[in-house]
PDB file of all heavy atoms in Angstrom:
ATOM      1  N   LEU A   1      10.540  14.739  -1.837  1.00  0.00           N
ATOM      2  CA  LEU A   1      10.736  14.435  -3.256  1.00  0.00           C
ATOM      3  C   LEU A   1      10.595  15.634  -4.174  1.00  0.00           C
ATOM      4  O   LEU A   1      11.133  15.653  -5.280  1.00  0.00           O
ATOM      5  CB  LEU A   1       9.712  13.355  -3.662  1.00  0.00           C
ATOM      6  CG  LEU A   1      10.060  12.498  -4.852  1.00  0.00           C
ATOM      7  CD1 LEU A   1      11.322  11.680  -4.563  1.00  0.00           C
ATOM      8  CD2 LEU A   1       8.887  11.567  -5.183  1.00  0.00           C
ATOM      9  N   ASP A   2       9.910  16.696  -3.719  1.00  0.00           N
ATOM     10  CA  ASP A   2       9.604  17.804  -4.632  1.00  0.00           C
ATOM     11  C   ASP A   2      10.794  18.701  -4.943  1.00  0.00           C
ATOM     12  O   ASP A   2      10.671  19.611  -5.766  1.00  0.00           O
ATOM     13  CB  ASP A   2       8.402  18.621  -4.165  1.00  0.00           C
ATOM     14  CG  ASP A   2       8.434  18.922  -2.670  1.00  0.00           C
ATOM     15  OD1 ASP A   2       9.416  18.573  -2.016  1.00  0.00           O
ATOM     16  OD2 ASP A   2       7.457  19.502  -2.175  1.00  0.00           O
ATOM     17  N   THR A   3      11.933  18.498  -4.297  1.00  0.00           N
ATOM     18  CA  THR A   3      13.156  19.239  -4.689  1.00  0.00           C
ATOM     19  C   THR A   3      14.323  18.295  -5.021  1.00  0.00           C
ATOM     20  O   THR A   3      15.453  18.727  -5.077  1.00  0.00           O
ATOM     21  CB  THR A   3      13.598  20.186  -3.571  1.00  0.00           C
ATOM     22  OG1 THR A   3      13.945  19.438  -2.387  1.00  0.00           O
ATOM     23  CG2 THR A   3      12.504  21.205  -3.232  1.00  0.00           C
ATOM     24  N   ILE A   4      14.033  17.035  -5.208  1.00  0.00           N
ATOM     25  CA  ILE A   4      15.121  16.064  -5.350  1.00  0.00           C
ATOM     26  C   ILE A   4      15.821  16.127  -6.720  1.00  0.00           C
ATOM     27  O   ILE A   4      17.025  15.887  -6.763  1.00  0.00           O
ATOM     28  CB  ILE A   4      14.586  14.626  -5.080  1.00  0.00           C
ATOM     29  CG1 ILE A   4      15.771  13.689  -4.709  1.00  0.00           C
ATOM     30  CG2 ILE A   4      13.822  14.086  -6.261  1.00  0.00           C
ATOM     31  CD1 ILE A   4      15.305  12.340  -4.165  1.00  0.00           C
ATOM     32  N   LEU A   5      15.107  16.450  -7.782  1.00  0.00           N
ATOM     33  CA  LEU A   5      15.725  16.477  -9.090  1.00  0.00           C
ATOM     34  C   LEU A   5      16.801  17.549  -9.258  1.00  0.00           C
ATOM     35  O   LEU A   5      17.942  17.251  -9.651  1.00  0.00           O
ATOM     36  CB  LEU A   5      14.671  16.591 -10.193  1.00  0.00           C
ATOM     37  CG  LEU A   5      13.808  15.339 -10.443  1.00  0.00           C
ATOM     38  CD1 LEU A   5      12.825  15.583 -11.546  1.00  0.00           C
ATOM     39  CD2 LEU A   5      14.680  14.132 -10.788  1.00  0.00           C
ATOM     40  N   PRO A   6      16.483  18.832  -8.958  1.00  0.00           N
ATOM     41  CA  PRO A   6      17.574  19.810  -9.052  1.00  0.00           C
ATOM     42  C   PRO A   6      18.736  19.535  -8.116  1.00  0.00           C
ATOM     43  O   PRO A   6      19.910  19.776  -8.460  1.00  0.00           O
ATOM     44  CB  PRO A   6      16.901  21.145  -8.736  1.00  0.00           C
ATOM     45  CG  PRO A   6      15.584  20.808  -8.142  1.00  0.00           C
ATOM     46  CD  PRO A   6      15.207  19.474  -8.647  1.00  0.00           C
ATOM     47  N   THR A   7      18.434  18.999  -6.928  1.00  0.00           N
ATOM     48  CA  THR A   7      19.490  18.630  -5.999  1.00  0.00           C
ATOM     49  C   THR A   7      20.390  17.542  -6.618  1.00  0.00           C
ATOM     50  O   THR A   7      21.623  17.672  -6.567  1.00  0.00           O
ATOM     51  CB  THR A   7      18.900  18.105  -4.688  1.00  0.00           C
ATOM     52  OG1 THR A   7      18.165  19.167  -4.057  1.00  0.00           O
ATOM     53  CG2 THR A   7      19.960  17.640  -3.752  1.00  0.00           C
ATOM     54  N   TYR A   8      19.816  16.549  -7.203  1.00  0.00           N
ATOM     55  CA  TYR A   8      20.594  15.459  -7.799  1.00  0.00           C
ATOM     56  C   TYR A   8      21.448  15.979  -8.993  1.00  0.00           C
ATOM     57  O   TYR A   8      22.660  15.756  -9.034  1.00  0.00           O
ATOM     58  CB  TYR A   8      19.710  14.329  -8.269  1.00  0.00           C
ATOM     59  CG  TYR A   8      20.443  13.345  -9.145  1.00  0.00           C
ATOM     60  CD1 TYR A   8      21.480  12.540  -8.592  1.00  0.00           C
ATOM     61  CD2 TYR A   8      20.213  13.299 -10.543  1.00  0.00           C
ATOM     62  CE1 TYR A   8      22.205  11.681  -9.398  1.00  0.00           C
ATOM     63  CE2 TYR A   8      20.932  12.415 -11.328  1.00  0.00           C
ATOM     64  CZ  TYR A   8      21.946  11.625 -10.773  1.00  0.00           C
ATOM     65  OH  TYR A   8      22.683  10.785 -11.549  1.00  0.00           O
ATOM     66  N   PHE A   9      20.774  16.696  -9.931  1.00  0.00           N
ATOM     67  CA  PHE A   9      21.514  17.076 -11.139  1.00  0.00           C
ATOM     68  C   PHE A   9      22.638  18.073 -10.863  1.00  0.00           C
ATOM     69  O   PHE A   9      23.732  17.948 -11.428  1.00  0.00           O
ATOM     70  CB  PHE A   9      20.520  17.641 -12.155  1.00  0.00           C
ATOM     71  CG  PHE A   9      19.660  16.593 -12.831  1.00  0.00           C
ATOM     72  CD1 PHE A   9      18.272  16.666 -12.718  1.00  0.00           C
ATOM     73  CD2 PHE A   9      20.231  15.562 -13.535  1.00  0.00           C
ATOM     74  CE1 PHE A   9      17.485  15.706 -13.313  1.00  0.00           C
ATOM     75  CE2 PHE A   9      19.446  14.570 -14.120  1.00  0.00           C
ATOM     76  CZ  PHE A   9      18.079  14.649 -14.023  1.00  0.00           C
ATOM     77  N   VAL A  10      22.385  19.019  -9.957  1.00  0.00           N
ATOM     78  CA  VAL A  10      23.447  19.978  -9.617  1.00  0.00           C
ATOM     79  C   VAL A  10      24.585  19.300  -8.869  1.00  0.00           C
ATOM     80  O   VAL A  10      25.766  19.524  -9.169  1.00  0.00           O
ATOM     81  CB  VAL A  10      22.900  21.173  -8.818  1.00  0.00           C
ATOM     82  CG1 VAL A  10      24.041  22.049  -8.297  1.00  0.00           C
ATOM     83  CG2 VAL A  10      21.932  22.006  -9.673  1.00  0.00           C
ATOM     84  N   SER A  11      24.248  18.420  -7.935  1.00  0.00           N
ATOM     85  CA  SER A  11      25.306  17.731  -7.209  1.00  0.00           C
ATOM     86  C   SER A  11      26.129  16.838  -8.124  1.00  0.00           C
ATOM     87  O   SER A  11      27.315  16.667  -7.954  1.00  0.00           O
ATOM     88  CB  SER A  11      24.705  16.902  -6.043  1.00  0.00           C
ATOM     89  OG  SER A  11      23.888  15.857  -6.543  1.00  0.00           O
ATOM     90  N   LYS A  12      25.457  16.266  -9.142  1.00  0.00           N
ATOM     91  CA  LYS A  12      26.168  15.419 -10.105  1.00  0.00           C
ATOM     92  C   LYS A  12      27.095  16.270 -10.969  1.00  0.00           C
ATOM     93  O   LYS A  12      28.273  15.932 -11.173  1.00  0.00           O
ATOM     94  CB  LYS A  12      25.120  14.713 -10.973  1.00  0.00           C
ATOM     95  CG  LYS A  12      25.705  13.678 -11.953  1.00  0.00           C
ATOM     96  CD  LYS A  12      26.106  12.421 -11.263  1.00  0.00           C
ATOM     97  CE  LYS A  12      26.482  11.343 -12.280  1.00  0.00           C
ATOM     98  NZ  LYS A  12      27.032  10.132 -11.628  1.00  0.00           N
ATOM     99  N   LEU A  13      26.570  17.392 -11.477  1.00  0.00           N
ATOM    100  CA  LEU A  13      27.377  18.272 -12.318  1.00  0.00           C
ATOM    101  C   LEU A  13      28.576  18.854 -11.599  1.00  0.00           C
ATOM    102  O   LEU A  13      29.659  18.952 -12.154  1.00  0.00           O
ATOM    103  CB  LEU A  13      26.503  19.411 -12.874  1.00  0.00           C
ATOM    104  CG  LEU A  13      25.518  19.044 -14.003  1.00  0.00           C
ATOM    105  CD1 LEU A  13      24.548  20.200 -14.207  1.00  0.00           C
ATOM    106  CD2 LEU A  13      26.261  18.725 -15.287  1.00  0.00           C
ATOM    107  N   LYS A  14      28.366  19.230 -10.342  1.00  0.00           N
ATOM    108  CA  LYS A  14      29.409  19.916  -9.587  1.00  0.00           C
ATOM    109  C   LYS A  14      30.210  18.959  -8.706  1.00  0.00           C
ATOM    110  O   LYS A  14      31.109  19.359  -7.975  1.00  0.00           O
ATOM    111  CB  LYS A  14      28.784  21.017  -8.723  1.00  0.00           C
ATOM    112  CG  LYS A  14      28.057  22.065  -9.561  1.00  0.00           C
ATOM    113  CD  LYS A  14      27.440  23.122  -8.685  1.00  0.00           C
ATOM    114  CE  LYS A  14      28.490  24.057  -8.151  1.00  0.00           C
ATOM    115  NZ  LYS A  14      27.884  25.220  -7.456  1.00  0.00           N
ATOM    116  N   ARG A  15      29.871  17.655  -8.765  1.00  0.00           N
ATOM    117  CA  ARG A  15      30.529  16.637  -7.954  1.00  0.00           C
ATOM    118  C   ARG A  15      30.503  16.998  -6.486  1.00  0.00           C
ATOM    119  O   ARG A  15      31.508  16.914  -5.766  1.00  0.00           O
ATOM    120  CB  ARG A  15      31.991  16.439  -8.471  1.00  0.00           C
ATOM    121  CG  ARG A  15      32.059  15.939  -9.896  1.00  0.00           C
ATOM    122  CD  ARG A  15      33.476  15.720 -10.331  1.00  0.00           C
ATOM    123  NE  ARG A  15      33.524  15.213 -11.706  1.00  0.00           N
ATOM    124  CZ  ARG A  15      34.643  14.949 -12.385  1.00  0.00           C
ATOM    125  NH1 ARG A  15      35.815  15.131 -11.781  1.00  0.00           N
ATOM    126  NH2 ARG A  15      34.563  14.518 -13.625  1.00  0.00           N
ATOM    127  N   THR A  16      29.328  17.376  -6.072  1.00  0.00           N
ATOM    128  CA  THR A  16      29.068  17.756  -4.691  1.00  0.00           C
ATOM    129  C   THR A  16      28.381  16.636  -3.950  1.00  0.00           C
ATOM    130  O   THR A  16      27.559  15.904  -4.544  1.00  0.00           O
ATOM    131  CB  THR A  16      28.172  19.031  -4.656  1.00  0.00           C
ATOM    132  OG1 THR A  16      28.840  20.073  -5.330  1.00  0.00           O
ATOM    133  CG2 THR A  16      27.850  19.463  -3.226  1.00  0.00           C
ATOM    134  N   LYS A  17      28.624  16.468  -2.673  1.00  0.00           N
ATOM    135  CA  LYS A  17      27.921  15.494  -1.905  1.00  0.00           C
ATOM    136  C   LYS A  17      26.438  15.861  -1.834  1.00  0.00           C
ATOM    137  O   LYS A  17      26.071  17.020  -1.876  1.00  0.00           O
ATOM    138  CB  LYS A  17      28.523  15.366  -0.483  1.00  0.00           C
ATOM    139  CG  LYS A  17      29.945  14.821  -0.464  1.00  0.00           C
ATOM    140  CD  LYS A  17      30.442  14.750   0.950  1.00  0.00           C
ATOM    141  CE  LYS A  17      31.921  14.317   0.964  1.00  0.00           C
ATOM    142  NZ  LYS A  17      32.120  12.951   0.452  1.00  0.00           N
ATOM    143  N   ARG A  18      25.579  14.828  -1.683  1.00  0.00           N
ATOM    144  CA  ARG A  18      24.142  15.098  -1.568  1.00  0.00           C
ATOM    145  C   ARG A  18      23.521  14.183  -0.544  1.00  0.00           C
ATOM    146  O   ARG A  18      24.023  13.114  -0.196  1.00  0.00           O
ATOM    147  CB  ARG A  18      23.447  14.866  -2.950  1.00  0.00           C
ATOM    148  CG  ARG A  18      23.695  13.490  -3.539  1.00  0.00           C
ATOM    149  CD  ARG A  18      23.034  13.379  -4.899  1.00  0.00           C
ATOM    150  NE  ARG A  18      23.337  12.085  -5.551  1.00  0.00           N
ATOM    151  CZ  ARG A  18      24.337  11.919  -6.395  1.00  0.00           C
ATOM    152  NH1 ARG A  18      25.148  12.948  -6.715  1.00  0.00           N
ATOM    153  NH2 ARG A  18      24.558  10.757  -6.935  1.00  0.00           N
ATOM    154  N   ALA A  19      22.394  14.636   0.026  1.00  0.00           N
ATOM    155  CA  ALA A  19      21.663  13.839   1.026  1.00  0.00           C
ATOM    156  C   ALA A  19      20.165  14.035   0.786  1.00  0.00           C
ATOM    157  O   ALA A  19      19.732  15.032   0.174  1.00  0.00           O
ATOM    158  CB  ALA A  19      22.030  14.316   2.436  1.00  0.00           C
ATOM    159  N   TYR A  20      19.389  13.084   1.270  1.00  0.00           N
ATOM    160  CA  TYR A  20      17.924  13.107   1.143  1.00  0.00           C
ATOM    161  C   TYR A  20      17.282  13.086   2.503  1.00  0.00           C
ATOM    162  O   TYR A  20      17.527  12.168   3.310  1.00  0.00           O
ATOM    163  CB  TYR A  20      17.458  11.911   0.295  1.00  0.00           C
ATOM    164  CG  TYR A  20      15.987  11.897  -0.015  1.00  0.00           C
ATOM    165  CD1 TYR A  20      15.328  13.053  -0.367  1.00  0.00           C
ATOM    166  CD2 TYR A  20      15.264  10.702   0.021  1.00  0.00           C
ATOM    167  CE1 TYR A  20      13.993  13.048  -0.656  1.00  0.00           C
ATOM    168  CE2 TYR A  20      13.927  10.688  -0.279  1.00  0.00           C
ATOM    169  CZ  TYR A  20      13.254  11.880  -0.633  1.00  0.00           C
ATOM    170  OH  TYR A  20      11.945  11.840  -0.930  1.00  0.00           O
ATOM    171  N   ASP A  21      16.477  14.080   2.789  1.00  0.00           N
ATOM    172  CA  ASP A  21      15.738  14.188   4.033  1.00  0.00           C
ATOM    173  C   ASP A  21      14.280  13.831   3.718  1.00  0.00           C
ATOM    174  O   ASP A  21      13.531  14.649   3.156  1.00  0.00           O
ATOM    175  CB  ASP A  21      15.851  15.624   4.587  1.00  0.00           C
ATOM    176  CG  ASP A  21      15.030  15.829   5.866  1.00  0.00           C
ATOM    177  OD1 ASP A  21      14.062  15.087   6.095  1.00  0.00           O
ATOM    178  OD2 ASP A  21      15.349  16.786   6.626  1.00  0.00           O
ATOM    179  N   ALA A  22      13.879  12.631   4.034  1.00  0.00           N
ATOM    180  CA  ALA A  22      12.552  12.115   3.660  1.00  0.00           C
ATOM    181  C   ALA A  22      11.626  12.173   4.859  1.00  0.00           C
ATOM    182  O   ALA A  22      11.604  11.223   5.683  1.00  0.00           O
ATOM    183  CB  ALA A  22      12.666  10.705   3.153  1.00  0.00           C
ATOM    184  N   HIS A  23      10.890  13.237   4.986  1.00  0.00           N
ATOM    185  CA  HIS A  23       9.947  13.373   6.102  1.00  0.00           C
ATOM    186  C   HIS A  23       8.776  12.433   5.977  1.00  0.00           C
ATOM    187  O   HIS A  23       8.085  12.164   6.957  1.00  0.00           O
ATOM    188  CB  HIS A  23       9.505  14.850   6.183  1.00  0.00           C
ATOM    189  CG  HIS A  23       8.714  15.165   7.407  1.00  0.00           C
ATOM    190  ND1 HIS A  23       7.644  16.022   7.402  1.00  0.00           N
ATOM    191  CD2 HIS A  23       8.835  14.733   8.698  1.00  0.00           C
ATOM    192  CE1 HIS A  23       7.143  16.083   8.636  1.00  0.00           C
ATOM    193  NE2 HIS A  23       7.863  15.341   9.423  1.00  0.00           N
ATOM    194  N   GLU A  24       8.551  11.960   4.766  1.00  0.00           N
ATOM    195  CA  GLU A  24       7.348  11.092   4.541  1.00  0.00           C
ATOM    196  C   GLU A  24       7.608  10.250   3.279  1.00  0.00           C
ATOM    197  O   GLU A  24       8.590  10.437   2.573  1.00  0.00           O
ATOM    198  CB  GLU A  24       6.119  11.962   4.339  1.00  0.00           C
ATOM    199  CG  GLU A  24       6.260  12.962   3.227  1.00  0.00           C
ATOM    200  CD  GLU A  24       5.323  14.156   3.407  1.00  0.00           C
ATOM    201  OE1 GLU A  24       4.436  14.103   4.286  1.00  0.00           O
ATOM    202  OE2 GLU A  24       5.476  15.126   2.638  1.00  0.00           O
ATOM    203  N   LEU A  25       6.683   9.321   3.041  1.00  0.00           N
ATOM    204  CA  LEU A  25       6.685   8.625   1.749  1.00  0.00           C
ATOM    205  C   LEU A  25       5.867   9.475   0.807  1.00  0.00           C
ATOM    206  O   LEU A  25       4.610   9.343   0.721  1.00  0.00           O
ATOM    207  CB  LEU A  25       6.061   7.222   1.936  1.00  0.00           C
ATOM    208  CG  LEU A  25       6.898   6.196   2.690  1.00  0.00           C
ATOM    209  CD1 LEU A  25       6.061   4.943   2.951  1.00  0.00           C
ATOM    210  CD2 LEU A  25       8.171   5.866   1.958  1.00  0.00           C
ATOM    211  N   PHE A  26       6.534  10.324   0.057  1.00  0.00           N
ATOM    212  CA  PHE A  26       5.880  11.374  -0.740  1.00  0.00           C
ATOM    213  C   PHE A  26       4.805  10.768  -1.685  1.00  0.00           C
ATOM    214  O   PHE A  26       3.678  11.265  -1.775  1.00  0.00           O
ATOM    215  CB  PHE A  26       6.934  12.151  -1.536  1.00  0.00           C
ATOM    216  CG  PHE A  26       6.426  13.397  -2.172  1.00  0.00           C
ATOM    217  CD1 PHE A  26       6.512  14.602  -1.519  1.00  0.00           C
ATOM    218  CD2 PHE A  26       5.881  13.355  -3.449  1.00  0.00           C
ATOM    219  CE1 PHE A  26       6.047  15.772  -2.116  1.00  0.00           C
ATOM    220  CE2 PHE A  26       5.431  14.528  -4.052  1.00  0.00           C
ATOM    221  CZ  PHE A  26       5.509  15.733  -3.386  1.00  0.00           C
ATOM    222  N   CYS A  27       5.161   9.713  -2.388  1.00  0.00           N
ATOM    223  CA  CYS A  27       4.237   9.140  -3.375  1.00  0.00           C
ATOM    224  C   CYS A  27       3.039   8.456  -2.732  1.00  0.00           C
ATOM    225  O   CYS A  27       2.054   8.176  -3.419  1.00  0.00           O
ATOM    226  CB  CYS A  27       4.991   8.127  -4.242  1.00  0.00           C
ATOM    227  SG  CYS A  27       6.181   8.887  -5.351  1.00  0.00           S
ATOM    228  N   GLU A  28       3.107   8.181  -1.414  1.00  0.00           N
ATOM    229  CA  GLU A  28       2.034   7.504  -0.745  1.00  0.00           C
ATOM    230  C   GLU A  28       1.100   8.449   0.000  1.00  0.00           C
ATOM    231  O   GLU A  28       0.247   7.999   0.784  1.00  0.00           O
ATOM    232  CB  GLU A  28       2.580   6.454   0.201  1.00  0.00           C
ATOM    233  CG  GLU A  28       3.434   5.386  -0.465  1.00  0.00           C
ATOM    234  CD  GLU A  28       2.689   4.624  -1.549  1.00  0.00           C
ATOM    235  OE1 GLU A  28       1.482   4.352  -1.348  1.00  0.00           O
ATOM    236  OE2 GLU A  28       3.310   4.341  -2.590  1.00  0.00           O
ATOM    237  N   MET A  29       1.259   9.747  -0.170  1.00  0.00           N
ATOM    238  CA  MET A  29       0.287  10.679   0.402  1.00  0.00           C
ATOM    239  C   MET A  29      -1.027  10.584  -0.347  1.00  0.00           C
ATOM    240  O   MET A  29      -1.051  10.303  -1.562  1.00  0.00           O
ATOM    241  CB  MET A  29       0.836  12.118   0.325  1.00  0.00           C
ATOM    242  CG  MET A  29       2.063  12.372   1.136  1.00  0.00           C
ATOM    243  SD  MET A  29       2.519  14.135   1.213  1.00  0.00           S
ATOM    244  CE  MET A  29       2.883  14.454  -0.518  1.00  0.00           C
ATOM    245  N   LYS A  30      -2.150  10.845   0.303  1.00  0.00           N
ATOM    246  CA  LYS A  30      -3.449  10.644  -0.286  1.00  0.00           C
ATOM    247  C   LYS A  30      -3.620  11.476  -1.568  1.00  0.00           C
ATOM    248  O   LYS A  30      -4.110  11.003  -2.565  1.00  0.00           O
ATOM    249  CB  LYS A  30      -4.584  11.016   0.684  1.00  0.00           C
ATOM    250  CG  LYS A  30      -5.944  10.782   0.114  1.00  0.00           C
ATOM    251  CD  LYS A  30      -7.078  11.286   0.988  1.00  0.00           C
ATOM    252  CE  LYS A  30      -8.411  11.168   0.298  1.00  0.00           C
ATOM    253  NZ  LYS A  30      -9.526  11.731   1.067  1.00  0.00           N
ATOM    254  N   GLU A  31      -3.150  12.751  -1.526  1.00  0.00           N
ATOM    255  CA  GLU A  31      -3.315  13.629  -2.685  1.00  0.00           C
ATOM    256  C   GLU A  31      -2.504  13.166  -3.874  1.00  0.00           C
ATOM    257  O   GLU A  31      -2.741  13.607  -5.003  1.00  0.00           O
ATOM    258  CB  GLU A  31      -2.981  15.090  -2.348  1.00  0.00           C
ATOM    259  CG  GLU A  31      -1.591  15.318  -1.776  1.00  0.00           C
ATOM    260  CD  GLU A  31      -1.552  15.321  -0.262  1.00  0.00           C
ATOM    261  OE1 GLU A  31      -2.218  14.460   0.363  1.00  0.00           O
ATOM    262  OE2 GLU A  31      -0.863  16.194   0.302  1.00  0.00           O
ATOM    263  N   ILE A  32      -1.512  12.276  -3.651  1.00  0.00           N
ATOM    264  CA  ILE A  32      -0.716  11.706  -4.752  1.00  0.00           C
ATOM    265  C   ILE A  32      -1.260  10.338  -5.160  1.00  0.00           C
ATOM    266  O   ILE A  32      -1.582  10.094  -6.349  1.00  0.00           O
ATOM    267  CB  ILE A  32       0.747  11.585  -4.359  1.00  0.00           C
ATOM    268  CG1 ILE A  32       1.342  12.916  -3.930  1.00  0.00           C
ATOM    269  CG2 ILE A  32       1.574  11.013  -5.516  1.00  0.00           C
ATOM    270  CD1 ILE A  32       1.384  13.991  -4.982  1.00  0.00           C
ATOM    271  N   VAL A  33      -1.387   9.455  -4.173  1.00  0.00           N
ATOM    272  CA  VAL A  33      -1.749   8.083  -4.511  1.00  0.00           C
ATOM    273  C   VAL A  33      -3.182   7.927  -5.053  1.00  0.00           C
ATOM    274  O   VAL A  33      -3.482   6.962  -5.772  1.00  0.00           O
ATOM    275  CB  VAL A  33      -1.585   7.188  -3.214  1.00  0.00           C
ATOM    276  CG1 VAL A  33      -2.702   7.364  -2.246  1.00  0.00           C
ATOM    277  CG2 VAL A  33      -1.416   5.711  -3.608  1.00  0.00           C
ATOM    278  N   SER A  34      -4.037   8.926  -4.784  1.00  0.00           N
ATOM    279  CA  SER A  34      -5.435   8.852  -5.268  1.00  0.00           C
ATOM    280  C   SER A  34      -5.601   9.395  -6.676  1.00  0.00           C
ATOM    281  O   SER A  34      -6.676   9.388  -7.244  1.00  0.00           O
ATOM    282  CB  SER A  34      -6.374   9.622  -4.309  1.00  0.00           C
ATOM    283  OG  SER A  34      -5.968  10.984  -4.269  1.00  0.00           O
ATOM    284  N   ARG A  35      -4.493   9.892  -7.282  1.00  0.00           N
ATOM    285  CA  ARG A  35      -4.532  10.453  -8.646  1.00  0.00           C
ATOM    286  C   ARG A  35      -3.520   9.683  -9.486  1.00  0.00           C
ATOM    287  O   ARG A  35      -2.336  10.012  -9.466  1.00  0.00           O
ATOM    288  CB  ARG A  35      -4.215  11.940  -8.626  1.00  0.00           C
ATOM    289  CG  ARG A  35      -5.259  12.785  -7.858  1.00  0.00           C
ATOM    290  CD  ARG A  35      -4.770  14.217  -7.705  1.00  0.00           C
ATOM    291  NE  ARG A  35      -5.831  15.078  -7.211  1.00  0.00           N
ATOM    292  CZ  ARG A  35      -6.113  15.251  -5.922  1.00  0.00           C
ATOM    293  NH1 ARG A  35      -5.417  14.619  -5.013  1.00  0.00           N
ATOM    294  NH2 ARG A  35      -7.094  16.057  -5.553  1.00  0.00           N
ATOM    295  N   PRO A  36      -3.976   8.711 -10.260  1.00  0.00           N
ATOM    296  CA  PRO A  36      -3.068   7.783 -10.955  1.00  0.00           C
ATOM    297  C   PRO A  36      -2.011   8.457 -11.824  1.00  0.00           C
ATOM    298  O   PRO A  36      -0.840   8.060 -11.813  1.00  0.00           O
ATOM    299  CB  PRO A  36      -4.025   6.943 -11.820  1.00  0.00           C
ATOM    300  CG  PRO A  36      -5.305   6.947 -11.040  1.00  0.00           C
ATOM    301  CD  PRO A  36      -5.379   8.306 -10.408  1.00  0.00           C
ATOM    302  N   ALA A  37      -2.386   9.489 -12.600  1.00  0.00           N
ATOM    303  CA  ALA A  37      -1.433  10.134 -13.505  1.00  0.00           C
ATOM    304  C   ALA A  37      -0.317  10.906 -12.686  1.00  0.00           C
ATOM    305  O   ALA A  37       0.855  10.805 -13.021  1.00  0.00           O
ATOM    306  CB  ALA A  37      -2.151  11.130 -14.414  1.00  0.00           C
TER     307      ALA A  37
END
């Protein structure tokens, strides 16, 4: 997830194909899910 925004916006602007390689559930890692903000 930590590089998904520039990938999305550039692919949208340039009409380029895009893919997502999700090695994990990023938001459900302990260092993320334990910090509400």
